Amino acid sequence: MSVNAYLNFNGNCREAVEFYAEVFETEAPHIMSFGENPPHPEFTLPDEAKNLVMHTRLTIDGSNIMFSDVFPGMPFVEGTNITLAIVNNSMEELKTRFHKLKEGGKVDMELQKTFWSKLYGQVTDKFGIQWQFNYESEDL
């Protein structure tokens, strides 16, 4: 289990993560764009989103730092563009912590299966801190 910082950018994530990889002398990041997602029958991906970064990460001095661009039309406020991501291989622990943090807070995305995870969700706690929950099996 780990808690990872997740940084959001407003269209310049690719430039930022490549810069950080150079600064911290990490391996080149594997970058997944929104355009690489499996197509959704009820949603057409806007052209301006196709090359934006949906997800990438770097290991910096032993810590995983994750990055993405915000989706076009979603709010972005520089300085508050960070969330904490709980990454765990226990669905029960993820569910328990998610439900505790949502008390007095706001569910941004219910826990659910996604194409990248068997369980993923987002919640903003009663103190305004945004959390992501992601199941990651040990065999990945």
C-alpha atoms as a PDB file:
ATOM      1  CA  MET A   1       0.000   0.000   0.000  1.00  0.00           C
ATOM      2  CA  SER A   2       1.133   3.519  -0.687  1.00  0.00           C
ATOM      3  CA  VAL A   3      -0.059   7.095  -0.804  1.00  0.00           C
ATOM      4  CA  ASN A   4       1.037   8.860  -3.980  1.00  0.00           C
ATOM      5  CA  ALA A   5       0.905  12.510  -4.943  1.00  0.00           C
ATOM      6  CA  TYR A   6      -1.119  13.090  -8.138  1.00  0.00           C
ATOM      7  CA  LEU A   7      -0.390  16.309 -10.020  1.00  0.00           C
ATOM      8  CA  ASN A   8      -2.770  17.755 -12.615  1.00  0.00           C
ATOM      9  CA  PHE A   9      -1.813  20.080 -15.439  1.00  0.00           C
ATOM     10  CA  ASN A  10      -3.743  22.233 -17.884  1.00  0.00           C
ATOM     11  CA  GLY A  11      -2.503  20.836 -21.194  1.00  0.00           C
ATOM     12  CA  ASN A  12       1.233  20.874 -20.481  1.00  0.00           C
ATOM     13  CA  CYS A  13       1.585  17.618 -18.540  1.00  0.00           C
ATOM     14  CA  ARG A  14       3.744  15.921 -21.181  1.00  0.00           C
ATOM     15  CA  GLU A  15       6.233  18.814 -21.083  1.00  0.00           C
ATOM     16  CA  ALA A  16       6.228  18.856 -17.263  1.00  0.00           C
ATOM     17  CA  VAL A  17       6.739  15.114 -16.747  1.00  0.00           C
ATOM     18  CA  GLU A  18       9.535  14.987 -19.339  1.00  0.00           C
ATOM     19  CA  PHE A  19      11.179  17.929 -17.553  1.00  0.00           C
ATOM     20  CA  TYR A  20      10.874  16.220 -14.152  1.00  0.00           C
ATOM     21  CA  ALA A  21      12.252  12.959 -15.576  1.00  0.00           C
ATOM     22  CA  GLU A  22      15.322  14.869 -16.740  1.00  0.00           C
ATOM     23  CA  VAL A  23      15.732  16.832 -13.505  1.00  0.00           C
ATOM     24  CA  PHE A  24      15.436  13.748 -11.285  1.00  0.00           C
ATOM     25  CA  GLU A  25      17.246  11.445 -13.745  1.00  0.00           C
ATOM     26  CA  THR A  26      14.463   8.847 -13.872  1.00  0.00           C
ATOM     27  CA  GLU A  27      13.551   6.428 -16.607  1.00  0.00           C
ATOM     28  CA  ALA A  28      11.563   7.934 -19.464  1.00  0.00           C
ATOM     29  CA  PRO A  29       7.886   7.907 -18.481  1.00  0.00           C
ATOM     30  CA  HIS A  30       5.297   5.717 -20.180  1.00  0.00           C
ATOM     31  CA  ILE A  31       2.611   8.233 -21.155  1.00  0.00           C
ATOM     32  CA  MET A  32      -1.003   7.202 -21.793  1.00  0.00           C
ATOM     33  CA  SER A  33      -3.094   9.781 -23.633  1.00  0.00           C
ATOM     34  CA  PHE A  34      -6.872  10.182 -23.469  1.00  0.00           C
ATOM     35  CA  GLY A  35      -6.925   9.114 -27.127  1.00  0.00           C
ATOM     36  CA  GLU A  36      -5.559   5.674 -26.165  1.00  0.00           C
ATOM     37  CA  ASN A  37      -8.648   4.868 -24.079  1.00  0.00           C
ATOM     38  CA  PRO A  38     -11.000   2.216 -25.357  1.00  0.00           C
ATOM     39  CA  PRO A  39     -13.827   4.010 -27.210  1.00  0.00           C
ATOM     40  CA  HIS A  40     -16.990   4.643 -25.216  1.00  0.00           C
ATOM     41  CA  PRO A  41     -20.211   4.127 -27.209  1.00  0.00           C
ATOM     42  CA  GLU A  42     -22.016   6.984 -25.439  1.00  0.00           C
ATOM     43  CA  PHE A  43     -19.198   9.529 -25.541  1.00  0.00           C
ATOM     44  CA  THR A  44     -17.212  10.942 -28.445  1.00  0.00           C
ATOM     45  CA  LEU A  45     -13.747  12.065 -27.401  1.00  0.00           C
ATOM     46  CA  PRO A  46     -13.173  15.702 -28.411  1.00  0.00           C
ATOM     47  CA  ASP A  47     -10.202  16.246 -30.734  1.00  0.00           C
ATOM     48  CA  GLU A  48      -8.539  18.628 -28.262  1.00  0.00           C
ATOM     49  CA  ALA A  49      -8.402  15.822 -25.657  1.00  0.00           C
ATOM     50  CA  LYS A  50      -6.849  13.073 -27.781  1.00  0.00           C
ATOM     51  CA  ASN A  51      -3.186  13.975 -27.201  1.00  0.00           C
ATOM     52  CA  LEU A  52      -3.559  15.162 -23.613  1.00  0.00           C
ATOM     53  CA  VAL A  53      -1.994  12.987 -20.915  1.00  0.00           C
ATOM     54  CA  MET A  54      -4.503  10.788 -19.132  1.00  0.00           C
ATOM     55  CA  HIS A  55      -1.899   9.180 -16.868  1.00  0.00           C
ATOM     56  CA  THR A  56       1.811   8.774 -16.339  1.00  0.00           C
ATOM     57  CA  ARG A  57       4.106   8.428 -13.368  1.00  0.00           C
ATOM     58  CA  LEU A  58       7.684   8.784 -12.272  1.00  0.00           C
ATOM     59  CA  THR A  59       9.552   7.219  -9.388  1.00  0.00           C
ATOM     60  CA  ILE A  60      11.455  10.036  -7.738  1.00  0.00           C
ATOM     61  CA  ASP A  61      13.788   9.041  -4.912  1.00  0.00           C
ATOM     62  CA  GLY A  62      11.618   6.003  -4.135  1.00  0.00           C
ATOM     63  CA  SER A  63       8.248   7.792  -4.273  1.00  0.00           C
ATOM     64  CA  ASN A  64       5.671   7.396  -7.046  1.00  0.00           C
ATOM     65  CA  ILE A  65       4.468  10.730  -8.364  1.00  0.00           C
ATOM     66  CA  MET A  66       1.580  10.514 -10.824  1.00  0.00           C
ATOM     67  CA  PHE A  67       0.601  13.092 -13.446  1.00  0.00           C
ATOM     68  CA  SER A  68      -2.232  13.926 -15.833  1.00  0.00           C
ATOM     69  CA  ASP A  69      -3.805  16.763 -17.766  1.00  0.00           C
ATOM     70  CA  VAL A  70      -7.281  17.866 -16.735  1.00  0.00           C
ATOM     71  CA  PHE A  71      -9.912  16.915 -19.286  1.00  0.00           C
ATOM     72  CA  PRO A  72     -11.050  19.850 -21.468  1.00  0.00           C
ATOM     73  CA  GLY A  73     -13.864  21.748 -19.753  1.00  0.00           C
ATOM     74  CA  MET A  74     -12.966  20.460 -16.269  1.00  0.00           C
ATOM     75  CA  PRO A  75     -11.942  23.031 -13.649  1.00  0.00           C
ATOM     76  CA  PHE A  76      -8.255  23.735 -13.177  1.00  0.00           C
ATOM     77  CA  VAL A  77      -6.851  26.044 -10.519  1.00  0.00           C
ATOM     78  CA  GLU A  78      -3.085  26.346 -10.421  1.00  0.00           C
ATOM     79  CA  GLY A  79      -1.820  25.764  -6.894  1.00  0.00           C
ATOM     80  CA  THR A  80      -4.634  23.378  -5.973  1.00  0.00           C
ATOM     81  CA  ASN A  81      -3.924  20.863  -8.717  1.00  0.00           C
ATOM     82  CA  ILE A  82      -2.807  18.000  -6.476  1.00  0.00           C
ATOM     83  CA  THR A  83      -4.658  15.019  -5.027  1.00  0.00           C
ATOM     84  CA  LEU A  84      -3.547  12.110  -2.881  1.00  0.00           C
ATOM     85  CA  ALA A  85      -3.893   8.673  -4.414  1.00  0.00           C
ATOM     86  CA  ILE A  86      -4.294   5.589  -2.243  1.00  0.00           C
ATOM     87  CA  VAL A  87      -2.930   2.604  -4.151  1.00  0.00           C
ATOM     88  CA  ASN A  88      -3.624  -0.738  -2.497  1.00  0.00           C
ATOM     89  CA  ASN A  89      -3.995  -4.430  -3.309  1.00  0.00           C
ATOM     90  CA  SER A  90      -6.830  -4.915  -0.794  1.00  0.00           C
ATOM     91  CA  MET A  91     -10.290  -4.023  -2.074  1.00  0.00           C
ATOM     92  CA  GLU A  92     -11.680  -4.223   1.473  1.00  0.00           C
ATOM     93  CA  GLU A  93      -9.188  -1.658   2.801  1.00  0.00           C
ATOM     94  CA  LEU A  94      -9.912   0.649  -0.125  1.00  0.00           C
ATOM     95  CA  LYS A  95     -13.677   0.389   0.442  1.00  0.00           C
ATOM     96  CA  THR A  96     -13.375   0.957   4.202  1.00  0.00           C
ATOM     97  CA  ARG A  97     -11.191   4.035   3.847  1.00  0.00           C
ATOM     98  CA  PHE A  98     -13.252   5.455   0.986  1.00  0.00           C
ATOM     99  CA  HIS A  99     -16.467   5.213   3.027  1.00  0.00           C
ATOM    100  CA  LYS A 100     -14.831   6.767   6.096  1.00  0.00           C
ATOM    101  CA  LEU A 101     -13.425   9.695   4.093  1.00  0.00           C
ATOM    102  CA  LYS A 102     -16.726  10.392   2.347  1.00  0.00           C
ATOM    103  CA  GLU A 103     -18.467  11.017   5.727  1.00  0.00           C
ATOM    104  CA  GLY A 104     -19.126  14.764   5.721  1.00  0.00           C
ATOM    105  CA  GLY A 105     -17.398  15.047   2.351  1.00  0.00           C
ATOM    106  CA  LYS A 106     -18.426  14.631  -1.281  1.00  0.00           C
ATOM    107  CA  VAL A 107     -18.130  11.623  -3.571  1.00  0.00           C
ATOM    108  CA  ASP A 108     -16.642  12.763  -6.874  1.00  0.00           C
ATOM    109  CA  MET A 109     -16.720   9.268  -8.431  1.00  0.00           C
ATOM    110  CA  GLU A 110     -18.216   6.220  -6.756  1.00  0.00           C
ATOM    111  CA  LEU A 111     -15.980   3.187  -6.333  1.00  0.00           C
ATOM    112  CA  GLN A 112     -16.319   1.190  -9.529  1.00  0.00           C
ATOM    113  CA  LYS A 113     -14.556  -0.978 -12.058  1.00  0.00           C
ATOM    114  CA  THR A 114     -12.679   0.894 -14.781  1.00  0.00           C
ATOM    115  CA  PHE A 115     -10.675  -0.302 -17.748  1.00  0.00           C
ATOM    116  CA  TRP A 116      -7.429   0.203 -15.753  1.00  0.00           C
ATOM    117  CA  SER A 117      -8.537  -1.059 -12.339  1.00  0.00           C
ATOM    118  CA  LYS A 118     -10.945  -3.504 -10.723  1.00  0.00           C
ATOM    119  CA  LEU A 119     -11.821  -0.738  -8.246  1.00  0.00           C
ATOM    120  CA  TYR A 120     -11.366   3.018  -8.557  1.00  0.00           C
ATOM    121  CA  GLY A 121     -13.077   6.053  -7.005  1.00  0.00           C
ATOM    122  CA  GLN A 122     -12.607   9.673  -5.953  1.00  0.00           C
ATOM    123  CA  VAL A 123     -13.775  11.559  -2.880  1.00  0.00           C
ATOM    124  CA  THR A 124     -13.250  15.041  -1.456  1.00  0.00           C
ATOM    125  CA  ASP A 125     -13.150  14.806   2.339  1.00  0.00           C
ATOM    126  CA  LYS A 126     -14.791  17.212   4.786  1.00  0.00           C
ATOM    127  CA  PHE A 127     -11.568  19.257   4.892  1.00  0.00           C
ATOM    128  CA  GLY A 128     -11.516  19.768   1.108  1.00  0.00           C
ATOM    129  CA  ILE A 129      -8.713  17.268   0.417  1.00  0.00           C
ATOM    130  CA  GLN A 130      -9.210  15.257  -2.775  1.00  0.00           C
ATOM    131  CA  TRP A 131      -8.444  11.527  -2.631  1.00  0.00           C
ATOM    132  CA  GLN A 132      -8.255   8.894  -5.355  1.00  0.00           C
ATOM    133  CA  PHE A 133      -8.560   5.191  -4.545  1.00  0.00           C
ATOM    134  CA  ASN A 134      -7.036   2.674  -6.915  1.00  0.00           C
ATOM    135  CA  TYR A 135      -6.828  -1.100  -6.638  1.00  0.00           C
ATOM    136  CA  GLU A 136      -3.544  -2.427  -7.934  1.00  0.00           C
ATOM    137  CA  SER A 137      -2.950  -6.154  -7.795  1.00  0.00           C
ATOM    138  CA  GLU A 138       0.477  -7.482  -6.920  1.00  0.00           C
ATOM    139  CA  ASP A 139       0.692  -9.334 -10.230  1.00  0.00           C
ATOM    140  CA  LEU A 140       0.824  -6.127 -12.334  1.00  0.00           C
END
